[in-house]
């Protein structure tokens, strides 16, 4: 009898959530997905990190349950992705974006810092890391390619002013990048490194562009995953780069 009651309650709860989704706003839908994710146990493991600064690491290789629900339970909205050893995307329509602000809380200007571990499936595969992003995936960022990263400004990618040496092809191999964008005056400073944020030289950037004319209107972290797998991502609460003044 208890098992029957539990089953009926579960069915009723899921039905209510499904009905609510039909008549709610997009924000309400995100809330419904989060509740449903908790009910069915869908999730992606997270851990707190403190090196080189405070942040949260999302392990996408060990998510459980449906991709959309698992990511919703971890604070992301997803579209056209699957889970198989990480978040798998097949085109620029394969996206994830944080549901809440993911900016650094240091200083008065907008700053966003992430570490991303990924694998590209072919030489034409790309990952667009937009930070800080609007909910419509607008904002500055990085176009990650097989042998280098380019900057994204106003929806267009181009080589960094200081591009750094290209790396050997990363197709089919796990690769780690540390990426950061700072609002500075009327524009932004976009820079990054190969390797984990905890091990890079924080005072010297391997690829960068200063004084980029762009408006940082968003506060999320977003990825477009075109023919690639995202293994894990760390979103930091503080700045990584230390060259110059970022107060």
C-alpha atoms as a PDB file:
ATOM      1  CA  UNK A   1       0.000   0.000   0.000  1.00  0.00           C
ATOM      2  CA  UNK A   2       2.806   2.435   0.880  1.00  0.00           C
ATOM      3  CA  UNK A   3       4.568   1.638  -2.385  1.00  0.00           C
ATOM      4  CA  UNK A   4       1.345   2.264  -4.309  1.00  0.00           C
ATOM      5  CA  UNK A   5       0.808   5.600  -2.588  1.00  0.00           C
ATOM      6  CA  UNK A   6       4.405   6.637  -3.316  1.00  0.00           C
ATOM      7  CA  UNK A   7       3.986   5.703  -6.977  1.00  0.00           C
ATOM      8  CA  UNK A   8       0.732   7.637  -7.279  1.00  0.00           C
ATOM      9  CA  UNK A   9       2.301  10.660  -5.562  1.00  0.00           C
ATOM     10  CA  UNK A  10       5.278  10.539  -7.946  1.00  0.00           C
ATOM     11  CA  UNK A  11       3.018  10.332 -10.996  1.00  0.00           C
ATOM     12  CA  UNK A  12       0.890  13.197  -9.688  1.00  0.00           C
ATOM     13  CA  UNK A  13       3.965  15.343  -8.984  1.00  0.00           C
ATOM     14  CA  UNK A  14       5.419  14.778 -12.429  1.00  0.00           C
ATOM     15  CA  UNK A  15       2.074  15.499 -14.039  1.00  0.00           C
ATOM     16  CA  UNK A  16       1.743  18.777 -12.175  1.00  0.00           C
ATOM     17  CA  UNK A  17       5.230  19.813 -13.223  1.00  0.00           C
ATOM     18  CA  UNK A  18       4.557  18.924 -16.851  1.00  0.00           C
ATOM     19  CA  UNK A  19       1.318  20.895 -16.844  1.00  0.00           C
ATOM     20  CA  UNK A  20       3.018  23.850 -15.199  1.00  0.00           C
ATOM     21  CA  UNK A  21       5.688  23.830 -17.882  1.00  0.00           C
ATOM     22  CA  UNK A  22       3.092  24.300 -20.609  1.00  0.00           C
ATOM     23  CA  UNK A  23       1.730  27.498 -19.092  1.00  0.00           C
ATOM     24  CA  UNK A  24       4.736  29.036 -17.403  1.00  0.00           C
ATOM     25  CA  UNK A  25       7.364  31.512 -18.496  1.00  0.00           C
ATOM     26  CA  UNK A  26      10.869  30.456 -19.514  1.00  0.00           C
ATOM     27  CA  UNK A  27      12.149  31.267 -16.024  1.00  0.00           C
ATOM     28  CA  UNK A  28       9.423  29.113 -14.501  1.00  0.00           C
ATOM     29  CA  UNK A  29      10.363  26.295 -16.878  1.00  0.00           C
ATOM     30  CA  UNK A  30      13.939  26.417 -15.591  1.00  0.00           C
ATOM     31  CA  UNK A  31      12.620  26.165 -12.017  1.00  0.00           C
ATOM     32  CA  UNK A  32      10.393  23.226 -12.980  1.00  0.00           C
ATOM     33  CA  UNK A  33      13.322  21.445 -14.606  1.00  0.00           C
ATOM     34  CA  UNK A  34      15.412  21.926 -11.489  1.00  0.00           C
ATOM     35  CA  UNK A  35      12.675  20.461  -9.276  1.00  0.00           C
ATOM     36  CA  UNK A  36      12.169  17.564 -11.661  1.00  0.00           C
ATOM     37  CA  UNK A  37      15.918  16.930 -11.800  1.00  0.00           C
ATOM     38  CA  UNK A  38      15.991  16.671  -8.019  1.00  0.00           C
ATOM     39  CA  UNK A  39      12.995  14.319  -8.030  1.00  0.00           C
ATOM     40  CA  UNK A  40      14.478  11.870 -10.518  1.00  0.00           C
ATOM     41  CA  UNK A  41      18.062  12.132  -9.243  1.00  0.00           C
ATOM     42  CA  UNK A  42      19.519  13.647 -12.428  1.00  0.00           C
ATOM     43  CA  UNK A  43      22.667  15.623 -11.706  1.00  0.00           C
ATOM     44  CA  UNK A  44      26.270  16.404 -12.599  1.00  0.00           C
ATOM     45  CA  UNK A  45      28.764  16.243  -9.704  1.00  0.00           C
ATOM     46  CA  UNK A  46      30.286  19.517  -8.504  1.00  0.00           C
ATOM     47  CA  UNK A  47      33.244  20.216  -6.244  1.00  0.00           C
ATOM     48  CA  UNK A  48      34.590  23.390  -4.671  1.00  0.00           C
ATOM     49  CA  UNK A  49      38.105  24.455  -5.623  1.00  0.00           C
ATOM     50  CA  UNK A  50      40.415  26.974  -3.994  1.00  0.00           C
ATOM     51  CA  UNK A  51      43.451  26.948  -6.328  1.00  0.00           C
ATOM     52  CA  UNK A  52      44.439  29.306  -7.840  1.00  0.00           C
ATOM     53  CA  UNK A  53      41.310  30.949  -6.441  1.00  0.00           C
ATOM     54  CA  UNK A  54      37.813  30.029  -5.286  1.00  0.00           C
ATOM     55  CA  UNK A  55      35.456  28.381  -7.762  1.00  0.00           C
ATOM     56  CA  UNK A  56      33.172  25.465  -8.602  1.00  0.00           C
ATOM     57  CA  UNK A  57      34.128  22.554 -10.853  1.00  0.00           C
ATOM     58  CA  UNK A  58      31.392  20.800 -12.822  1.00  0.00           C
ATOM     59  CA  UNK A  59      32.220  17.185 -13.719  1.00  0.00           C
ATOM     60  CA  UNK A  60      30.272  16.443 -16.893  1.00  0.00           C
ATOM     61  CA  UNK A  61      31.803  12.971 -17.321  1.00  0.00           C
ATOM     62  CA  UNK A  62      29.801  11.587 -14.396  1.00  0.00           C
ATOM     63  CA  UNK A  63      26.363  13.133 -14.937  1.00  0.00           C
ATOM     64  CA  UNK A  64      23.392  10.875 -14.269  1.00  0.00           C
ATOM     65  CA  UNK A  65      20.005  10.860 -15.967  1.00  0.00           C
ATOM     66  CA  UNK A  66      18.668  12.879 -18.892  1.00  0.00           C
ATOM     67  CA  UNK A  67      21.090  15.525 -20.209  1.00  0.00           C
ATOM     68  CA  UNK A  68      18.693  18.472 -19.893  1.00  0.00           C
ATOM     69  CA  UNK A  69      17.601  17.462 -16.394  1.00  0.00           C
ATOM     70  CA  UNK A  70      21.116  16.671 -15.175  1.00  0.00           C
ATOM     71  CA  UNK A  71      22.384  20.045 -16.365  1.00  0.00           C
ATOM     72  CA  UNK A  72      19.337  21.828 -14.955  1.00  0.00           C
ATOM     73  CA  UNK A  73      20.102  20.233 -11.600  1.00  0.00           C
ATOM     74  CA  UNK A  74      23.614  21.709 -11.839  1.00  0.00           C
ATOM     75  CA  UNK A  75      22.526  25.242 -12.739  1.00  0.00           C
ATOM     76  CA  UNK A  76      22.592  25.173 -16.541  1.00  0.00           C
ATOM     77  CA  UNK A  77      20.059  25.404 -19.328  1.00  0.00           C
ATOM     78  CA  UNK A  78      20.936  23.052 -22.192  1.00  0.00           C
ATOM     79  CA  UNK A  79      19.817  22.661 -25.792  1.00  0.00           C
ATOM     80  CA  UNK A  80      20.579  19.931 -28.353  1.00  0.00           C
ATOM     81  CA  UNK A  81      23.220  18.144 -26.282  1.00  0.00           C
ATOM     82  CA  UNK A  82      23.637  14.578 -25.051  1.00  0.00           C
ATOM     83  CA  UNK A  83      25.721  12.932 -22.338  1.00  0.00           C
ATOM     84  CA  UNK A  84      28.436  10.440 -23.269  1.00  0.00           C
ATOM     85  CA  UNK A  85      31.694  10.842 -21.393  1.00  0.00           C
ATOM     86  CA  UNK A  86      30.816  14.538 -21.052  1.00  0.00           C
ATOM     87  CA  UNK A  87      28.493  17.015 -22.743  1.00  0.00           C
ATOM     88  CA  UNK A  88      28.396  16.153 -26.448  1.00  0.00           C
ATOM     89  CA  UNK A  89      27.367  18.776 -28.992  1.00  0.00           C
ATOM     90  CA  UNK A  90      27.031  18.406 -32.746  1.00  0.00           C
ATOM     91  CA  UNK A  91      26.588  21.968 -34.049  1.00  0.00           C
ATOM     92  CA  UNK A  92      26.450  25.616 -33.027  1.00  0.00           C
ATOM     93  CA  UNK A  93      22.871  24.912 -31.947  1.00  0.00           C
ATOM     94  CA  UNK A  94      24.249  22.669 -29.186  1.00  0.00           C
ATOM     95  CA  UNK A  95      24.509  25.001 -26.205  1.00  0.00           C
ATOM     96  CA  UNK A  96      24.664  25.311 -22.449  1.00  0.00           C
ATOM     97  CA  UNK A  97      24.358  28.490 -20.389  1.00  0.00           C
ATOM     98  CA  UNK A  98      24.343  29.132 -16.656  1.00  0.00           C
ATOM     99  CA  UNK A  99      20.988  30.010 -15.121  1.00  0.00           C
ATOM    100  CA  UNK A 100      22.492  32.673 -12.860  1.00  0.00           C
ATOM    101  CA  UNK A 101      25.286  35.227 -12.860  1.00  0.00           C
ATOM    102  CA  UNK A 102      28.762  33.716 -13.133  1.00  0.00           C
ATOM    103  CA  UNK A 103      30.895  36.822 -12.732  1.00  0.00           C
ATOM    104  CA  UNK A 104      33.850  37.317 -10.440  1.00  0.00           C
ATOM    105  CA  UNK A 105      32.877  39.216  -7.296  1.00  0.00           C
ATOM    106  CA  UNK A 106      36.157  41.142  -7.080  1.00  0.00           C
ATOM    107  CA  UNK A 107      36.358  44.791  -8.076  1.00  0.00           C
ATOM    108  CA  UNK A 108      33.716  47.025  -9.599  1.00  0.00           C
ATOM    109  CA  UNK A 109      33.916  45.919 -13.245  1.00  0.00           C
ATOM    110  CA  UNK A 110      32.634  42.738 -14.824  1.00  0.00           C
ATOM    111  CA  UNK A 111      35.069  39.828 -14.865  1.00  0.00           C
ATOM    112  CA  UNK A 112      34.588  36.184 -15.815  1.00  0.00           C
ATOM    113  CA  UNK A 113      37.080  33.339 -15.443  1.00  0.00           C
ATOM    114  CA  UNK A 114      36.780  29.675 -16.397  1.00  0.00           C
ATOM    115  CA  UNK A 115      38.826  26.546 -16.927  1.00  0.00           C
ATOM    116  CA  UNK A 116      37.522  24.183 -19.609  1.00  0.00           C
ATOM    117  CA  UNK A 117      38.559  20.589 -20.330  1.00  0.00           C
ATOM    118  CA  UNK A 118      37.339  19.392 -23.712  1.00  0.00           C
ATOM    119  CA  UNK A 119      37.891  17.179 -26.731  1.00  0.00           C
ATOM    120  CA  UNK A 120      37.369  18.125 -30.385  1.00  0.00           C
ATOM    121  CA  UNK A 121      36.148  15.383 -32.711  1.00  0.00           C
ATOM    122  CA  UNK A 122      37.520  16.762 -36.006  1.00  0.00           C
ATOM    123  CA  UNK A 123      39.615  19.572 -37.456  1.00  0.00           C
ATOM    124  CA  UNK A 124      36.414  21.521 -38.182  1.00  0.00           C
ATOM    125  CA  UNK A 125      35.064  21.188 -34.639  1.00  0.00           C
ATOM    126  CA  UNK A 126      34.826  24.348 -32.531  1.00  0.00           C
ATOM    127  CA  UNK A 127      33.760  25.488 -29.077  1.00  0.00           C
ATOM    128  CA  UNK A 128      32.612  29.046 -28.459  1.00  0.00           C
ATOM    129  CA  UNK A 129      33.109  30.096 -24.846  1.00  0.00           C
ATOM    130  CA  UNK A 130      31.130  33.304 -24.292  1.00  0.00           C
ATOM    131  CA  UNK A 131      31.821  35.110 -21.022  1.00  0.00           C
ATOM    132  CA  UNK A 132      30.086  37.078 -19.843  1.00  0.00           C
ATOM    133  CA  UNK A 133      27.153  36.107 -22.041  1.00  0.00           C
ATOM    134  CA  UNK A 134      23.629  37.402 -22.423  1.00  0.00           C
ATOM    135  CA  UNK A 135      20.820  34.855 -22.309  1.00  0.00           C
ATOM    136  CA  UNK A 136      20.697  35.121 -26.123  1.00  0.00           C
ATOM    137  CA  UNK A 137      24.375  34.093 -26.364  1.00  0.00           C
ATOM    138  CA  UNK A 138      25.705  37.557 -27.087  1.00  0.00           C
ATOM    139  CA  UNK A 139      28.984  38.792 -25.677  1.00  0.00           C
ATOM    140  CA  UNK A 140      32.756  38.536 -26.073  1.00  0.00           C
ATOM    141  CA  UNK A 141      34.609  35.267 -25.797  1.00  0.00           C
ATOM    142  CA  UNK A 142      36.837  32.648 -27.341  1.00  0.00           C
ATOM    143  CA  UNK A 143      36.497  30.472 -30.424  1.00  0.00           C
ATOM    144  CA  UNK A 144      38.408  27.312 -29.532  1.00  0.00           C
ATOM    145  CA  UNK A 145      39.791  25.523 -32.605  1.00  0.00           C
ATOM    146  CA  UNK A 146      42.026  22.505 -33.110  1.00  0.00           C
ATOM    147  CA  UNK A 147      45.331  24.434 -33.046  1.00  0.00           C
ATOM    148  CA  UNK A 148      44.510  27.775 -31.404  1.00  0.00           C
ATOM    149  CA  UNK A 149      41.947  30.006 -29.754  1.00  0.00           C
ATOM    150  CA  UNK A 150      40.624  33.156 -31.457  1.00  0.00           C
ATOM    151  CA  UNK A 151      38.741  36.015 -29.850  1.00  0.00           C
ATOM    152  CA  UNK A 152      35.021  36.586 -30.428  1.00  0.00           C
ATOM    153  CA  UNK A 153      33.891  40.222 -30.594  1.00  0.00           C
ATOM    154  CA  UNK A 154      30.384  41.255 -31.633  1.00  0.00           C
ATOM    155  CA  UNK A 155      29.693  37.808 -33.037  1.00  0.00           C
ATOM    156  CA  UNK A 156      32.806  37.653 -35.226  1.00  0.00           C
ATOM    157  CA  UNK A 157      35.967  35.664 -34.517  1.00  0.00           C
ATOM    158  CA  UNK A 158      39.501  36.800 -35.376  1.00  0.00           C
ATOM    159  CA  UNK A 159      43.066  36.186 -34.265  1.00  0.00           C
ATOM    160  CA  UNK A 160      44.329  37.723 -31.044  1.00  0.00           C
ATOM    161  CA  UNK A 161      46.659  40.716 -31.292  1.00  0.00           C
ATOM    162  CA  UNK A 162      49.058  38.667 -29.200  1.00  0.00           C
ATOM    163  CA  UNK A 163      48.142  35.257 -30.538  1.00  0.00           C
ATOM    164  CA  UNK A 164      50.872  33.162 -29.004  1.00  0.00           C
ATOM    165  CA  UNK A 165      52.261  30.044 -30.636  1.00  0.00           C
ATOM    166  CA  UNK A 166      49.653  27.636 -32.070  1.00  0.00           C
ATOM    167  CA  UNK A 167      49.565  24.255 -30.394  1.00  0.00           C
ATOM    168  CA  UNK A 168      49.715  20.911 -32.139  1.00  0.00           C
ATOM    169  CA  UNK A 169      46.394  19.513 -33.303  1.00  0.00           C
ATOM    170  CA  UNK A 170      44.173  18.631 -30.347  1.00  0.00           C
ATOM    171  CA  UNK A 171      41.686  16.566 -32.413  1.00  0.00           C
ATOM    172  CA  UNK A 172      40.686  13.475 -30.460  1.00  0.00           C
ATOM    173  CA  UNK A 173      42.746  14.522 -27.433  1.00  0.00           C
ATOM    174  CA  UNK A 174      41.729  15.983 -24.087  1.00  0.00           C
ATOM    175  CA  UNK A 175      42.844  19.603 -23.800  1.00  0.00           C
ATOM    176  CA  UNK A 176      42.642  22.200 -21.030  1.00  0.00           C
ATOM    177  CA  UNK A 177      42.429  25.981 -21.380  1.00  0.00           C
ATOM    178  CA  UNK A 178      42.191  28.753 -18.777  1.00  0.00           C
ATOM    179  CA  UNK A 179      40.176  31.719 -20.076  1.00  0.00           C
ATOM    180  CA  UNK A 180      39.326  35.146 -18.696  1.00  0.00           C
ATOM    181  CA  UNK A 181      37.660  38.408 -19.737  1.00  0.00           C
ATOM    182  CA  UNK A 182      37.762  41.721 -17.861  1.00  0.00           C
ATOM    183  CA  UNK A 183      35.683  44.809 -18.460  1.00  0.00           C
ATOM    184  CA  UNK A 184      38.096  47.740 -18.700  1.00  0.00           C
ATOM    185  CA  UNK A 185      36.908  51.273 -19.385  1.00  0.00           C
ATOM    186  CA  UNK A 186      34.795  51.279 -22.557  1.00  0.00           C
ATOM    187  CA  UNK A 187      35.872  47.803 -23.601  1.00  0.00           C
ATOM    188  CA  UNK A 188      37.415  44.568 -22.447  1.00  0.00           C
ATOM    189  CA  UNK A 189      40.662  42.672 -21.980  1.00  0.00           C
ATOM    190  CA  UNK A 190      40.397  39.130 -23.359  1.00  0.00           C
ATOM    191  CA  UNK A 191      43.167  36.655 -22.508  1.00  0.00           C
ATOM    192  CA  UNK A 192      44.023  33.069 -21.677  1.00  0.00           C
ATOM    193  CA  UNK A 193      46.503  30.236 -21.339  1.00  0.00           C
ATOM    194  CA  UNK A 194      47.011  26.629 -22.323  1.00  0.00           C
ATOM    195  CA  UNK A 195      46.776  24.392 -19.285  1.00  0.00           C
ATOM    196  CA  UNK A 196      45.016  24.317 -15.947  1.00  0.00           C
ATOM    197  CA  UNK A 197      44.449  27.629 -14.196  1.00  0.00           C
ATOM    198  CA  UNK A 198      46.273  26.309 -11.118  1.00  0.00           C
ATOM    199  CA  UNK A 199      49.526  25.787 -13.060  1.00  0.00           C
ATOM    200  CA  UNK A 200      49.739  28.655 -15.583  1.00  0.00           C
ATOM    201  CA  UNK A 201      51.885  31.771 -15.158  1.00  0.00           C
ATOM    202  CA  UNK A 202      49.175  34.158 -13.985  1.00  0.00           C
ATOM    203  CA  UNK A 203      51.347  37.214 -14.687  1.00  0.00           C
ATOM    204  CA  UNK A 204      51.960  36.424 -18.396  1.00  0.00           C
ATOM    205  CA  UNK A 205      49.196  35.655 -20.894  1.00  0.00           C
ATOM    206  CA  UNK A 206      49.779  33.275 -23.792  1.00  0.00           C
ATOM    207  CA  UNK A 207      47.090  34.851 -25.996  1.00  0.00           C
ATOM    208  CA  UNK A 208      45.419  38.197 -25.380  1.00  0.00           C
ATOM    209  CA  UNK A 209      43.806  41.315 -26.776  1.00  0.00           C
ATOM    210  CA  UNK A 210      43.587  44.566 -24.819  1.00  0.00           C
ATOM    211  CA  UNK A 211      41.216  47.492 -25.360  1.00  0.00           C
ATOM    212  CA  UNK A 212      38.623  45.457 -27.232  1.00  0.00           C
ATOM    213  CA  UNK A 213      35.650  47.712 -28.012  1.00  0.00           C
ATOM    214  CA  UNK A 214      32.655  45.697 -26.842  1.00  0.00           C
ATOM    215  CA  UNK A 215      29.764  46.114 -24.416  1.00  0.00           C
ATOM    216  CA  UNK A 216      29.622  43.492 -21.666  1.00  0.00           C
ATOM    217  CA  UNK A 217      25.870  43.411 -21.129  1.00  0.00           C
ATOM    218  CA  UNK A 218      25.540  39.837 -19.852  1.00  0.00           C
ATOM    219  CA  UNK A 219      26.563  38.029 -16.682  1.00  0.00           C
ATOM    220  CA  UNK A 220      26.399  34.299 -17.595  1.00  0.00           C
ATOM    221  CA  UNK A 221      28.841  31.710 -18.923  1.00  0.00           C
ATOM    222  CA  UNK A 222      27.775  30.057 -22.170  1.00  0.00           C
ATOM    223  CA  UNK A 223      29.203  27.423 -24.515  1.00  0.00           C
ATOM    224  CA  UNK A 224      28.407  26.524 -28.116  1.00  0.00           C
ATOM    225  CA  UNK A 225      29.604  22.960 -28.656  1.00  0.00           C
ATOM    226  CA  UNK A 226      30.137  22.160 -32.340  1.00  0.00           C
ATOM    227  CA  UNK A 227      31.399  18.609 -32.805  1.00  0.00           C
ATOM    228  CA  UNK A 228      33.038  18.397 -29.399  1.00  0.00           C
ATOM    229  CA  UNK A 229      32.760  17.005 -25.881  1.00  0.00           C
ATOM    230  CA  UNK A 230      33.025  19.112 -22.727  1.00  0.00           C
ATOM    231  CA  UNK A 231      34.606  16.978 -20.003  1.00  0.00           C
ATOM    232  CA  UNK A 232      34.474  19.492 -17.174  1.00  0.00           C
ATOM    233  CA  UNK A 233      34.386  23.212 -16.531  1.00  0.00           C
ATOM    234  CA  UNK A 234      35.393  25.321 -13.551  1.00  0.00           C
ATOM    235  CA  UNK A 235      33.785  28.714 -12.995  1.00  0.00           C
ATOM    236  CA  UNK A 236      35.842  30.933 -10.685  1.00  0.00           C
ATOM    237  CA  UNK A 237      34.561  33.562  -8.248  1.00  0.00           C
ATOM    238  CA  UNK A 238      37.767  35.588  -8.423  1.00  0.00           C
ATOM    239  CA  UNK A 239      40.103  36.774 -11.171  1.00  0.00           C
ATOM    240  CA  UNK A 240      42.945  34.511 -12.337  1.00  0.00           C
ATOM    241  CA  UNK A 241      45.197  36.956 -14.223  1.00  0.00           C
ATOM    242  CA  UNK A 242      47.459  39.190 -12.151  1.00  0.00           C
ATOM    243  CA  UNK A 243      49.297  41.255 -14.800  1.00  0.00           C
ATOM    244  CA  UNK A 244      48.323  44.931 -14.536  1.00  0.00           C
ATOM    245  CA  UNK A 245      45.667  46.360 -12.256  1.00  0.00           C
ATOM    246  CA  UNK A 246      42.240  44.730 -12.141  1.00  0.00           C
ATOM    247  CA  UNK A 247      40.773  46.503  -9.135  1.00  0.00           C
END
